[in-house]
């Protein structure tokens, strides 16, 4: 159960995040969340009004700080960043966040083909997609906008795979060092090769 020492709103968010990550969005009811948070349903309605608003708040709490860090790193990279600098700015903030908490939630979000979650995903990522699309296009002027979007999608897909399989990778690759820095370095190398690959091969 969530500690009572934490304020009510945070307890609800912590409980919802834990249960959404473990059981999925549809399988988690508001009553499940109130039991985990040790609050009544009125408290959830007061702070969030609906399950959809609660999901939005849970996602925003984890995604918005990551996006802010991405934009800060993009700005710090200067006017002519390399491809690798852009990939690090895009990937590192998520890989270095609180992985134990972010992984289950993000894996569920990325793996759930729900219209509401798709709109939610777009809401929290549209600015990032726009800013990084422009930056990647500047770094790779030989690629048109459509190619850039494809390459970003595949990079995001590789990142999603890492997020959804993080718990299993140490067992699947027992002889490989598995930490955020190692994963980031390998993912940047992989994605950079994909971005530089020529179309039609």
N, C-alpha and C. Protein backbone atom coordinates (compact mmCIF):
# COMPACT_ATOMS: atom_id res chain seq x y z
N UNK A 1 0.83 -1.20 0.00
CA UNK A 1 0.00 0.00 0.00
C UNK A 1 0.88 1.26 0.00
N UNK A 2 0.30 2.38 -0.45
CA UNK A 2 1.00 3.65 -0.47
C UNK A 2 1.04 4.25 0.93
N UNK A 3 2.16 4.84 1.31
CA UNK A 3 2.30 5.44 2.64
C UNK A 3 1.33 6.60 2.84
N UNK A 4 0.75 6.69 4.05
CA UNK A 4 -0.16 7.78 4.37
C UNK A 4 0.58 9.09 4.57
N UNK A 5 1.92 9.03 4.71
CA UNK A 5 2.68 10.25 4.95
C UNK A 5 2.70 11.15 3.71
N UNK A 6 2.40 10.58 2.54
CA UNK A 6 2.38 11.34 1.30
C UNK A 6 1.00 11.98 1.14
N UNK A 7 0.95 13.20 0.54
CA UNK A 7 -0.33 13.86 0.38
C UNK A 7 -1.27 13.07 -0.51
N UNK A 8 -2.55 13.33 -0.36
CA UNK A 8 -3.59 12.51 -1.01
C UNK A 8 -3.43 12.45 -2.52
N UNK A 9 -3.22 13.59 -3.15
CA UNK A 9 -3.12 13.62 -4.62
C UNK A 9 -1.94 12.78 -5.09
N UNK A 10 -0.81 12.90 -4.41
CA UNK A 10 0.37 12.12 -4.79
C UNK A 10 0.15 10.63 -4.55
N UNK A 11 -0.52 10.29 -3.47
CA UNK A 11 -0.82 8.88 -3.21
C UNK A 11 -1.67 8.29 -4.33
N UNK A 12 -2.64 9.06 -4.79
CA UNK A 12 -3.49 8.59 -5.88
C UNK A 12 -2.66 8.40 -7.15
N UNK A 13 -1.81 9.36 -7.47
CA UNK A 13 -0.97 9.26 -8.66
C UNK A 13 -0.02 8.07 -8.56
N UNK A 14 0.60 7.90 -7.40
CA UNK A 14 1.52 6.78 -7.22
C UNK A 14 0.80 5.44 -7.37
N UNK A 15 -0.37 5.34 -6.77
CA UNK A 15 -1.14 4.10 -6.85
C UNK A 15 -1.57 3.82 -8.28
N UNK A 16 -2.08 4.85 -8.96
CA UNK A 16 -2.53 4.68 -10.35
C UNK A 16 -1.38 4.28 -11.25
N UNK A 17 -0.25 4.93 -11.09
CA UNK A 17 0.92 4.60 -11.92
C UNK A 17 1.35 3.16 -11.71
N UNK A 18 1.39 2.73 -10.47
CA UNK A 18 1.78 1.35 -10.15
C UNK A 18 0.82 0.35 -10.78
N UNK A 19 -0.47 0.57 -10.61
CA UNK A 19 -1.47 -0.38 -11.09
C UNK A 19 -1.61 -0.35 -12.61
N UNK A 20 -1.54 0.86 -13.21
CA UNK A 20 -1.58 0.94 -14.67
C UNK A 20 -0.42 0.17 -15.26
N UNK A 21 0.77 0.34 -14.67
CA UNK A 21 1.95 -0.36 -15.17
C UNK A 21 1.85 -1.87 -15.01
N UNK A 22 1.30 -2.31 -13.90
CA UNK A 22 1.19 -3.75 -13.63
C UNK A 22 0.09 -4.42 -14.42
N UNK A 23 -1.08 -3.79 -14.45
CA UNK A 23 -2.28 -4.46 -14.94
C UNK A 23 -2.85 -3.91 -16.25
N UNK A 24 -2.38 -2.72 -16.67
CA UNK A 24 -2.94 -2.08 -17.85
C UNK A 24 -4.00 -1.07 -17.47
N UNK A 25 -4.37 -0.23 -18.40
CA UNK A 25 -5.31 0.86 -18.14
C UNK A 25 -6.74 0.36 -18.01
N UNK A 26 -7.16 -0.49 -18.92
CA UNK A 26 -8.54 -0.97 -18.89
C UNK A 26 -8.80 -1.88 -17.71
N UNK A 27 -7.80 -2.68 -17.33
CA UNK A 27 -7.99 -3.65 -16.25
C UNK A 27 -7.91 -3.03 -14.86
N UNK A 28 -7.52 -1.77 -14.78
CA UNK A 28 -7.41 -1.09 -13.49
C UNK A 28 -8.61 -0.19 -13.29
N UNK A 29 -9.38 -0.44 -12.25
CA UNK A 29 -10.56 0.37 -11.96
C UNK A 29 -10.20 1.46 -10.95
N UNK A 30 -11.08 2.45 -10.86
CA UNK A 30 -10.88 3.49 -9.86
C UNK A 30 -10.94 2.90 -8.46
N UNK A 31 -11.73 1.88 -8.25
CA UNK A 31 -11.80 1.24 -6.94
C UNK A 31 -10.49 0.53 -6.60
N UNK A 32 -9.85 -0.05 -7.61
CA UNK A 32 -8.53 -0.64 -7.38
C UNK A 32 -7.55 0.44 -6.90
N UNK A 33 -7.62 1.59 -7.55
CA UNK A 33 -6.71 2.68 -7.23
C UNK A 33 -6.98 3.24 -5.83
N UNK A 34 -8.25 3.41 -5.49
CA UNK A 34 -8.57 3.94 -4.16
C UNK A 34 -8.13 2.97 -3.07
N UNK A 35 -8.26 1.67 -3.33
CA UNK A 35 -7.81 0.68 -2.34
C UNK A 35 -6.30 0.73 -2.16
N UNK A 36 -5.58 0.84 -3.27
CA UNK A 36 -4.11 0.90 -3.21
C UNK A 36 -3.64 2.18 -2.52
N UNK A 37 -4.30 3.29 -2.82
CA UNK A 37 -3.90 4.59 -2.26
C UNK A 37 -4.46 4.83 -0.86
N UNK A 38 -5.39 3.98 -0.45
CA UNK A 38 -6.05 4.12 0.85
C UNK A 38 -6.77 5.47 0.95
N UNK A 39 -7.55 5.76 -0.09
CA UNK A 39 -8.39 6.97 -0.11
C UNK A 39 -9.78 6.56 -0.57
N UNK A 40 -10.74 7.46 -0.45
CA UNK A 40 -12.09 7.14 -0.93
C UNK A 40 -12.28 7.67 -2.36
N UNK A 41 -13.33 7.20 -3.01
CA UNK A 41 -13.60 7.57 -4.40
C UNK A 41 -13.81 9.06 -4.55
N UNK A 42 -14.36 9.69 -3.53
CA UNK A 42 -14.59 11.14 -3.58
C UNK A 42 -13.28 11.90 -3.75
N UNK A 43 -12.20 11.39 -3.16
CA UNK A 43 -10.90 12.05 -3.27
C UNK A 43 -10.39 12.00 -4.71
N UNK A 44 -10.61 10.86 -5.37
CA UNK A 44 -10.20 10.75 -6.78
C UNK A 44 -11.02 11.69 -7.64
N UNK A 45 -12.32 11.72 -7.41
CA UNK A 45 -13.19 12.61 -8.19
C UNK A 45 -12.85 14.08 -7.94
N UNK A 46 -12.48 14.42 -6.72
CA UNK A 46 -12.14 15.80 -6.39
C UNK A 46 -10.88 16.25 -7.12
N UNK A 47 -9.87 15.40 -7.12
CA UNK A 47 -8.58 15.79 -7.70
C UNK A 47 -8.53 15.60 -9.22
N UNK A 48 -9.26 14.60 -9.76
CA UNK A 48 -9.08 14.26 -11.17
C UNK A 48 -10.37 14.17 -11.98
N UNK A 49 -11.53 14.15 -11.37
CA UNK A 49 -12.83 14.16 -12.03
C UNK A 49 -13.17 12.88 -12.79
N UNK A 50 -12.20 12.26 -13.45
CA UNK A 50 -12.49 11.06 -14.25
C UNK A 50 -11.24 10.20 -14.36
N UNK A 51 -11.45 8.96 -14.78
CA UNK A 51 -10.32 8.05 -14.98
C UNK A 51 -9.42 8.56 -16.09
N UNK A 52 -10.02 9.13 -17.15
CA UNK A 52 -9.23 9.66 -18.26
C UNK A 52 -8.33 10.80 -17.81
N UNK A 53 -8.86 11.68 -16.98
CA UNK A 53 -8.05 12.79 -16.46
C UNK A 53 -6.94 12.28 -15.54
N UNK A 54 -7.23 11.23 -14.80
CA UNK A 54 -6.20 10.64 -13.94
C UNK A 54 -5.08 10.03 -14.78
N UNK A 55 -5.44 9.31 -15.84
CA UNK A 55 -4.42 8.75 -16.73
C UNK A 55 -3.57 9.87 -17.32
N UNK A 56 -4.21 10.95 -17.75
CA UNK A 56 -3.49 12.10 -18.31
C UNK A 56 -2.49 12.63 -17.29
N UNK A 57 -2.92 12.78 -16.04
CA UNK A 57 -2.04 13.32 -15.00
C UNK A 57 -0.88 12.39 -14.69
N UNK A 58 -1.15 11.09 -14.70
CA UNK A 58 -0.09 10.11 -14.45
C UNK A 58 0.97 10.17 -15.55
N UNK A 59 0.51 10.22 -16.80
CA UNK A 59 1.44 10.28 -17.93
C UNK A 59 2.20 11.60 -17.92
N UNK A 60 1.50 12.70 -17.70
CA UNK A 60 2.15 14.02 -17.70
C UNK A 60 3.23 14.11 -16.64
N UNK A 61 2.99 13.53 -15.48
CA UNK A 61 3.96 13.60 -14.39
C UNK A 61 5.29 12.99 -14.77
N UNK A 62 5.26 11.95 -15.58
CA UNK A 62 6.50 11.30 -16.00
C UNK A 62 7.05 11.85 -17.30
N UNK A 63 6.17 12.17 -18.25
CA UNK A 63 6.61 12.55 -19.59
C UNK A 63 7.07 14.01 -19.68
N UNK A 64 6.36 14.91 -19.03
CA UNK A 64 6.69 16.33 -19.17
C UNK A 64 8.10 16.68 -18.70
N UNK A 65 8.57 16.17 -17.56
CA UNK A 65 9.97 16.46 -17.18
C UNK A 65 10.97 15.90 -18.19
N UNK A 66 10.67 14.75 -18.77
CA UNK A 66 11.52 14.17 -19.80
C UNK A 66 11.56 15.08 -21.02
N UNK A 67 10.39 15.55 -21.44
CA UNK A 67 10.33 16.43 -22.61
C UNK A 67 11.05 17.75 -22.35
N UNK A 68 10.91 18.30 -21.15
CA UNK A 68 11.61 19.54 -20.82
C UNK A 68 13.11 19.35 -20.91
N UNK A 69 13.60 18.24 -20.40
CA UNK A 69 15.04 17.95 -20.47
C UNK A 69 15.48 17.76 -21.92
N UNK A 70 14.65 17.12 -22.73
CA UNK A 70 14.98 16.96 -24.14
C UNK A 70 15.17 18.30 -24.83
N UNK A 71 14.25 19.23 -24.58
CA UNK A 71 14.33 20.55 -25.20
C UNK A 71 15.54 21.32 -24.69
N UNK A 72 15.85 21.18 -23.41
CA UNK A 72 17.03 21.84 -22.85
C UNK A 72 18.31 21.30 -23.50
N UNK A 73 18.40 19.99 -23.67
CA UNK A 73 19.58 19.40 -24.29
C UNK A 73 19.67 19.77 -25.77
N UNK A 74 18.53 19.86 -26.44
CA UNK A 74 18.51 20.28 -27.84
C UNK A 74 19.03 21.71 -27.97
N UNK A 75 18.60 22.58 -27.08
CA UNK A 75 19.06 23.97 -27.08
C UNK A 75 20.55 24.04 -26.77
N UNK A 76 21.01 23.25 -25.81
CA UNK A 76 22.41 23.27 -25.41
C UNK A 76 23.35 22.73 -26.49
N UNK A 77 22.80 21.93 -27.40
CA UNK A 77 23.62 21.35 -28.47
C UNK A 77 24.06 22.37 -29.50
N UNK A 78 23.47 23.58 -29.47
CA UNK A 78 23.88 24.64 -30.37
C UNK A 78 23.17 24.63 -31.71
N UNK A 79 23.57 25.52 -32.61
CA UNK A 79 22.85 25.69 -33.88
C UNK A 79 23.09 24.57 -34.89
N UNK A 80 24.21 23.84 -34.76
CA UNK A 80 24.53 22.79 -35.73
C UNK A 80 24.91 21.48 -35.03
N UNK A 81 23.99 20.88 -34.33
CA UNK A 81 24.32 19.65 -33.60
C UNK A 81 24.54 18.48 -34.55
N UNK A 82 25.37 17.54 -34.11
CA UNK A 82 25.58 16.32 -34.88
C UNK A 82 24.37 15.40 -34.71
N UNK A 83 24.30 14.40 -35.56
CA UNK A 83 23.22 13.42 -35.45
C UNK A 83 23.26 12.74 -34.10
N UNK A 84 24.46 12.38 -33.65
CA UNK A 84 24.59 11.69 -32.36
C UNK A 84 24.14 12.59 -31.21
N UNK A 85 24.46 13.88 -31.27
CA UNK A 85 23.99 14.80 -30.24
C UNK A 85 22.47 14.87 -30.19
N UNK A 86 21.85 14.88 -31.34
CA UNK A 86 20.39 14.92 -31.40
C UNK A 86 19.78 13.64 -30.83
N UNK A 87 20.36 12.51 -31.17
CA UNK A 87 19.84 11.25 -30.66
C UNK A 87 20.00 11.16 -29.14
N UNK A 88 21.11 11.64 -28.63
CA UNK A 88 21.32 11.64 -27.18
C UNK A 88 20.30 12.55 -26.52
N UNK A 89 20.05 13.72 -27.10
CA UNK A 89 19.06 14.64 -26.53
C UNK A 89 17.66 14.03 -26.55
N UNK A 90 17.37 13.24 -27.55
CA UNK A 90 16.05 12.62 -27.68
C UNK A 90 15.89 11.43 -26.73
N UNK A 91 16.96 10.63 -26.58
CA UNK A 91 16.86 9.37 -25.86
C UNK A 91 17.30 9.44 -24.40
N UNK A 92 18.34 10.19 -24.12
CA UNK A 92 18.93 10.16 -22.78
C UNK A 92 17.99 10.56 -21.65
N UNK A 93 17.19 11.62 -21.81
CA UNK A 93 16.32 12.01 -20.68
C UNK A 93 15.39 10.90 -20.23
N UNK A 94 14.91 10.09 -21.15
CA UNK A 94 14.04 8.98 -20.75
C UNK A 94 14.86 7.83 -20.16
N UNK A 95 16.01 7.55 -20.76
CA UNK A 95 16.82 6.44 -20.27
C UNK A 95 17.40 6.70 -18.89
N UNK A 96 17.56 7.98 -18.51
CA UNK A 96 18.14 8.32 -17.22
C UNK A 96 17.11 8.79 -16.20
N UNK A 97 15.84 8.66 -16.52
CA UNK A 97 14.80 9.00 -15.55
C UNK A 97 14.68 7.84 -14.56
N UNK A 98 13.68 7.90 -13.70
CA UNK A 98 13.49 6.85 -12.70
C UNK A 98 12.99 5.59 -13.40
N UNK A 99 13.95 4.79 -13.86
CA UNK A 99 13.63 3.68 -14.75
C UNK A 99 12.67 2.67 -14.14
N UNK A 100 12.83 2.37 -12.87
CA UNK A 100 11.98 1.36 -12.24
C UNK A 100 10.51 1.76 -12.29
N UNK A 101 10.24 3.07 -12.25
CA UNK A 101 8.86 3.53 -12.29
C UNK A 101 8.40 3.84 -13.71
N UNK A 102 9.30 4.38 -14.53
CA UNK A 102 8.91 4.79 -15.87
C UNK A 102 8.69 3.60 -16.80
N UNK A 103 9.53 2.59 -16.72
CA UNK A 103 9.46 1.47 -17.65
C UNK A 103 8.09 0.80 -17.71
N UNK A 104 7.50 0.36 -16.57
CA UNK A 104 6.21 -0.33 -16.68
C UNK A 104 5.11 0.56 -17.27
N UNK A 105 5.06 1.82 -16.83
CA UNK A 105 4.03 2.72 -17.32
C UNK A 105 4.20 2.98 -18.81
N UNK A 106 5.42 3.33 -19.25
CA UNK A 106 5.65 3.65 -20.65
C UNK A 106 5.44 2.42 -21.53
N UNK A 107 5.83 1.25 -21.03
CA UNK A 107 5.62 0.04 -21.81
C UNK A 107 4.13 -0.19 -22.06
N UNK A 108 3.31 0.01 -21.03
CA UNK A 108 1.85 -0.13 -21.18
C UNK A 108 1.31 0.90 -22.16
N UNK A 109 1.78 2.12 -22.03
CA UNK A 109 1.30 3.21 -22.88
C UNK A 109 1.63 2.93 -24.34
N UNK A 110 2.85 2.48 -24.60
CA UNK A 110 3.29 2.23 -25.96
C UNK A 110 2.64 0.99 -26.57
N UNK A 111 2.22 0.07 -25.71
CA UNK A 111 1.69 -1.20 -26.22
C UNK A 111 0.17 -1.26 -26.27
N UNK A 112 -0.50 -0.18 -25.85
CA UNK A 112 -1.96 -0.20 -25.79
C UNK A 112 -2.56 0.55 -26.98
N UNK A 113 -3.18 -0.14 -27.95
CA UNK A 113 -3.75 0.50 -29.14
C UNK A 113 -5.13 1.07 -28.87
N UNK A 114 -5.19 2.09 -28.05
CA UNK A 114 -6.45 2.69 -27.64
C UNK A 114 -6.52 4.11 -28.17
N UNK A 115 -7.66 4.53 -28.68
CA UNK A 115 -7.79 5.85 -29.30
C UNK A 115 -7.50 6.97 -28.29
N UNK A 116 -8.00 6.82 -27.07
CA UNK A 116 -7.75 7.83 -26.05
C UNK A 116 -6.27 7.93 -25.74
N UNK A 117 -5.60 6.79 -25.58
CA UNK A 117 -4.17 6.82 -25.26
C UNK A 117 -3.36 7.35 -26.44
N UNK A 118 -3.81 7.08 -27.66
CA UNK A 118 -3.13 7.64 -28.83
C UNK A 118 -3.23 9.16 -28.83
N UNK A 119 -4.40 9.69 -28.52
CA UNK A 119 -4.56 11.16 -28.43
C UNK A 119 -3.70 11.72 -27.29
N UNK A 120 -3.66 10.99 -26.20
CA UNK A 120 -2.86 11.42 -25.06
C UNK A 120 -1.38 11.44 -25.41
N UNK A 121 -0.95 10.40 -26.09
CA UNK A 121 0.44 10.31 -26.52
C UNK A 121 0.79 11.48 -27.44
N UNK A 122 -0.11 11.77 -28.38
CA UNK A 122 0.11 12.88 -29.30
C UNK A 122 0.16 14.21 -28.56
N UNK A 123 -0.72 14.38 -27.60
CA UNK A 123 -0.78 15.62 -26.82
C UNK A 123 0.55 15.92 -26.15
N UNK A 124 1.16 14.91 -25.56
CA UNK A 124 2.38 15.11 -24.79
C UNK A 124 3.66 15.03 -25.63
N UNK A 125 3.54 14.61 -26.88
CA UNK A 125 4.74 14.45 -27.70
C UNK A 125 4.77 15.29 -28.97
N UNK A 126 3.69 15.98 -29.29
CA UNK A 126 3.63 16.70 -30.57
C UNK A 126 4.73 17.75 -30.69
N UNK A 127 4.99 18.50 -29.64
CA UNK A 127 6.05 19.53 -29.70
C UNK A 127 7.41 18.88 -29.87
N UNK A 128 7.66 17.78 -29.17
CA UNK A 128 8.94 17.08 -29.28
C UNK A 128 9.14 16.58 -30.71
N UNK A 129 8.10 15.99 -31.28
CA UNK A 129 8.20 15.48 -32.65
C UNK A 129 8.51 16.61 -33.62
N UNK A 130 7.84 17.73 -33.45
CA UNK A 130 8.05 18.87 -34.35
C UNK A 130 9.48 19.42 -34.24
N UNK A 131 9.93 19.64 -33.01
CA UNK A 131 11.26 20.24 -32.81
C UNK A 131 12.37 19.31 -33.27
N UNK A 132 12.25 18.03 -32.96
CA UNK A 132 13.31 17.11 -33.35
C UNK A 132 13.26 16.77 -34.83
N UNK A 133 12.09 16.78 -35.43
CA UNK A 133 12.00 16.59 -36.88
C UNK A 133 12.78 17.68 -37.61
N UNK A 134 12.60 18.91 -37.16
CA UNK A 134 13.33 20.03 -37.76
C UNK A 134 14.84 19.87 -37.57
N UNK A 135 15.24 19.47 -36.37
CA UNK A 135 16.66 19.33 -36.08
C UNK A 135 17.29 18.19 -36.88
N UNK A 136 16.60 17.06 -36.96
CA UNK A 136 17.12 15.94 -37.75
C UNK A 136 17.20 16.31 -39.23
N UNK A 137 16.23 17.04 -39.73
CA UNK A 137 16.25 17.46 -41.13
C UNK A 137 17.44 18.37 -41.41
N UNK A 138 17.77 19.22 -40.46
CA UNK A 138 18.92 20.11 -40.63
C UNK A 138 20.23 19.31 -40.60
N UNK A 139 20.30 18.30 -39.74
CA UNK A 139 21.51 17.49 -39.64
C UNK A 139 21.69 16.56 -40.84
N UNK A 140 20.56 16.17 -41.45
CA UNK A 140 20.59 15.26 -42.60
C UNK A 140 19.80 15.85 -43.75
N UNK A 141 20.34 16.89 -44.39
CA UNK A 141 19.59 17.58 -45.45
C UNK A 141 19.29 16.70 -46.66
N UNK A 142 19.99 15.58 -46.80
CA UNK A 142 19.72 14.68 -47.92
C UNK A 142 18.44 13.88 -47.73
N UNK A 143 17.89 13.88 -46.52
CA UNK A 143 16.66 13.16 -46.24
C UNK A 143 15.46 14.10 -46.30
N UNK A 144 14.39 13.68 -46.94
CA UNK A 144 13.20 14.53 -46.95
C UNK A 144 12.40 14.33 -45.66
N UNK A 145 11.36 15.11 -45.49
CA UNK A 145 10.60 15.10 -44.24
C UNK A 145 9.98 13.74 -43.95
N UNK A 146 9.52 13.06 -45.00
CA UNK A 146 8.91 11.75 -44.80
C UNK A 146 9.93 10.74 -44.30
N UNK A 147 11.12 10.75 -44.89
CA UNK A 147 12.18 9.84 -44.44
C UNK A 147 12.54 10.11 -42.98
N UNK A 148 12.63 11.37 -42.62
CA UNK A 148 12.96 11.73 -41.23
C UNK A 148 11.91 11.18 -40.27
N UNK A 149 10.64 11.31 -40.62
CA UNK A 149 9.58 10.81 -39.75
C UNK A 149 9.65 9.29 -39.62
N UNK A 150 9.94 8.60 -40.71
CA UNK A 150 10.09 7.15 -40.63
C UNK A 150 11.23 6.77 -39.70
N UNK A 151 12.34 7.44 -39.86
CA UNK A 151 13.52 7.12 -39.04
C UNK A 151 13.27 7.43 -37.57
N UNK A 152 12.53 8.50 -37.30
CA UNK A 152 12.16 8.80 -35.92
C UNK A 152 11.23 7.74 -35.35
N UNK A 153 10.29 7.26 -36.17
CA UNK A 153 9.38 6.22 -35.72
C UNK A 153 10.13 4.94 -35.36
N UNK A 154 11.09 4.55 -36.20
CA UNK A 154 11.83 3.33 -35.94
C UNK A 154 12.74 3.49 -34.72
N UNK A 155 13.29 4.67 -34.54
CA UNK A 155 14.10 4.93 -33.35
C UNK A 155 13.24 4.85 -32.09
N UNK A 156 12.06 5.46 -32.16
CA UNK A 156 11.13 5.38 -31.03
C UNK A 156 10.71 3.94 -30.77
N UNK A 157 10.55 3.16 -31.85
CA UNK A 157 10.19 1.76 -31.69
C UNK A 157 11.28 0.97 -30.99
N UNK A 158 12.54 1.23 -31.34
CA UNK A 158 13.65 0.56 -30.66
C UNK A 158 13.68 0.95 -29.19
N UNK A 159 13.44 2.23 -28.91
CA UNK A 159 13.41 2.70 -27.53
C UNK A 159 12.26 2.03 -26.77
N UNK A 160 11.10 1.90 -27.42
CA UNK A 160 9.95 1.26 -26.79
C UNK A 160 10.26 -0.20 -26.47
N UNK A 161 10.97 -0.86 -27.37
CA UNK A 161 11.34 -2.25 -27.11
C UNK A 161 12.22 -2.36 -25.87
N UNK A 162 13.19 -1.45 -25.76
CA UNK A 162 14.05 -1.45 -24.58
C UNK A 162 13.23 -1.22 -23.32
N UNK A 163 12.31 -0.28 -23.38
CA UNK A 163 11.47 0.02 -22.22
C UNK A 163 10.62 -1.17 -21.82
N UNK A 164 10.01 -1.82 -22.79
CA UNK A 164 9.09 -2.91 -22.48
C UNK A 164 9.81 -4.20 -22.10
N UNK A 165 11.08 -4.32 -22.47
CA UNK A 165 11.83 -5.56 -22.18
C UNK A 165 12.94 -5.33 -21.16
N UNK A 166 12.96 -4.18 -20.52
CA UNK A 166 14.05 -3.85 -19.59
C UNK A 166 14.19 -4.89 -18.48
N UNK A 167 13.06 -5.39 -17.99
CA UNK A 167 13.10 -6.35 -16.89
C UNK A 167 13.73 -7.67 -17.30
N UNK A 168 13.65 -8.02 -18.60
CA UNK A 168 14.11 -9.32 -19.07
C UNK A 168 15.51 -9.30 -19.67
N UNK A 169 15.98 -8.13 -20.09
CA UNK A 169 17.25 -8.06 -20.81
C UNK A 169 18.44 -8.60 -20.03
N UNK A 170 18.56 -8.31 -18.73
CA UNK A 170 19.70 -8.88 -17.99
C UNK A 170 19.73 -10.41 -18.03
N UNK A 171 18.56 -11.05 -18.06
CA UNK A 171 18.52 -12.51 -18.14
C UNK A 171 18.76 -13.00 -19.56
N UNK A 172 18.26 -12.24 -20.54
CA UNK A 172 18.45 -12.64 -21.93
C UNK A 172 19.90 -12.44 -22.38
N UNK A 173 20.58 -11.47 -21.80
CA UNK A 173 21.97 -11.18 -22.14
C UNK A 173 22.80 -11.13 -20.85
N UNK A 174 22.99 -12.27 -20.19
CA UNK A 174 23.64 -12.28 -18.88
C UNK A 174 25.10 -11.83 -18.89
N UNK A 175 25.76 -11.92 -20.04
CA UNK A 175 27.17 -11.55 -20.11
C UNK A 175 27.38 -10.11 -20.55
N UNK A 176 26.28 -9.37 -20.73
CA UNK A 176 26.36 -7.99 -21.20
C UNK A 176 26.03 -7.04 -20.07
N UNK A 177 26.84 -6.00 -19.93
CA UNK A 177 26.56 -4.97 -18.93
C UNK A 177 25.26 -4.26 -19.29
N UNK A 178 24.33 -4.18 -18.35
CA UNK A 178 23.04 -3.57 -18.65
C UNK A 178 22.77 -2.46 -17.65
N UNK A 179 23.02 -1.23 -18.06
CA UNK A 179 22.66 -0.06 -17.28
C UNK A 179 22.26 1.03 -18.26
N UNK A 180 21.79 2.16 -17.75
CA UNK A 180 21.24 3.18 -18.65
C UNK A 180 22.28 3.74 -19.61
N UNK A 181 23.51 3.91 -19.16
CA UNK A 181 24.54 4.46 -20.04
C UNK A 181 24.89 3.49 -21.16
N UNK A 182 25.02 2.21 -20.82
CA UNK A 182 25.34 1.20 -21.84
C UNK A 182 24.21 1.08 -22.85
N UNK A 183 22.99 1.02 -22.35
CA UNK A 183 21.83 0.93 -23.24
C UNK A 183 21.76 2.15 -24.15
N UNK A 184 21.97 3.33 -23.58
CA UNK A 184 21.92 4.56 -24.37
C UNK A 184 22.96 4.54 -25.48
N UNK A 185 24.21 4.17 -25.15
CA UNK A 185 25.28 4.15 -26.15
C UNK A 185 24.96 3.19 -27.29
N UNK A 186 24.46 2.01 -26.95
CA UNK A 186 24.12 1.03 -27.99
C UNK A 186 22.95 1.51 -28.84
N UNK A 187 21.96 2.12 -28.20
CA UNK A 187 20.77 2.59 -28.92
C UNK A 187 21.12 3.75 -29.85
N UNK A 188 21.98 4.65 -29.40
CA UNK A 188 22.41 5.78 -30.25
C UNK A 188 23.18 5.26 -31.46
N UNK A 189 24.07 4.31 -31.25
CA UNK A 189 24.84 3.73 -32.36
C UNK A 189 23.91 3.08 -33.38
N UNK A 190 22.95 2.31 -32.88
CA UNK A 190 21.99 1.63 -33.75
C UNK A 190 21.14 2.63 -34.53
N UNK A 191 20.60 3.63 -33.82
CA UNK A 191 19.72 4.60 -34.45
C UNK A 191 20.48 5.48 -35.46
N UNK A 192 21.70 5.85 -35.13
CA UNK A 192 22.48 6.69 -36.04
C UNK A 192 22.73 5.97 -37.36
N UNK A 193 23.01 4.67 -37.28
CA UNK A 193 23.20 3.90 -38.51
C UNK A 193 21.92 3.87 -39.34
N UNK A 194 20.79 3.76 -38.67
CA UNK A 194 19.51 3.76 -39.37
C UNK A 194 19.21 5.11 -40.02
N UNK A 195 19.51 6.18 -39.33
CA UNK A 195 19.29 7.52 -39.88
C UNK A 195 20.16 7.76 -41.11
N UNK A 196 21.37 7.24 -41.10
CA UNK A 196 22.30 7.48 -42.20
C UNK A 196 22.11 6.50 -43.36
N UNK A 197 21.34 5.45 -43.16
CA UNK A 197 21.13 4.45 -44.22
C UNK A 197 20.40 5.07 -45.39
N UNK A 198 20.78 4.66 -46.59
CA UNK A 198 20.16 5.18 -47.80
C UNK A 198 18.87 4.42 -48.10
N UNK A 199 17.92 5.11 -48.67
CA UNK A 199 16.63 4.52 -49.00
C UNK A 199 16.78 3.54 -50.16
N UNK A 200 16.04 2.45 -50.10
CA UNK A 200 15.99 1.52 -51.21
C UNK A 200 17.02 0.42 -51.19
N UNK A 201 17.76 0.28 -50.06
CA UNK A 201 18.76 -0.78 -49.98
C UNK A 201 18.08 -2.09 -49.60
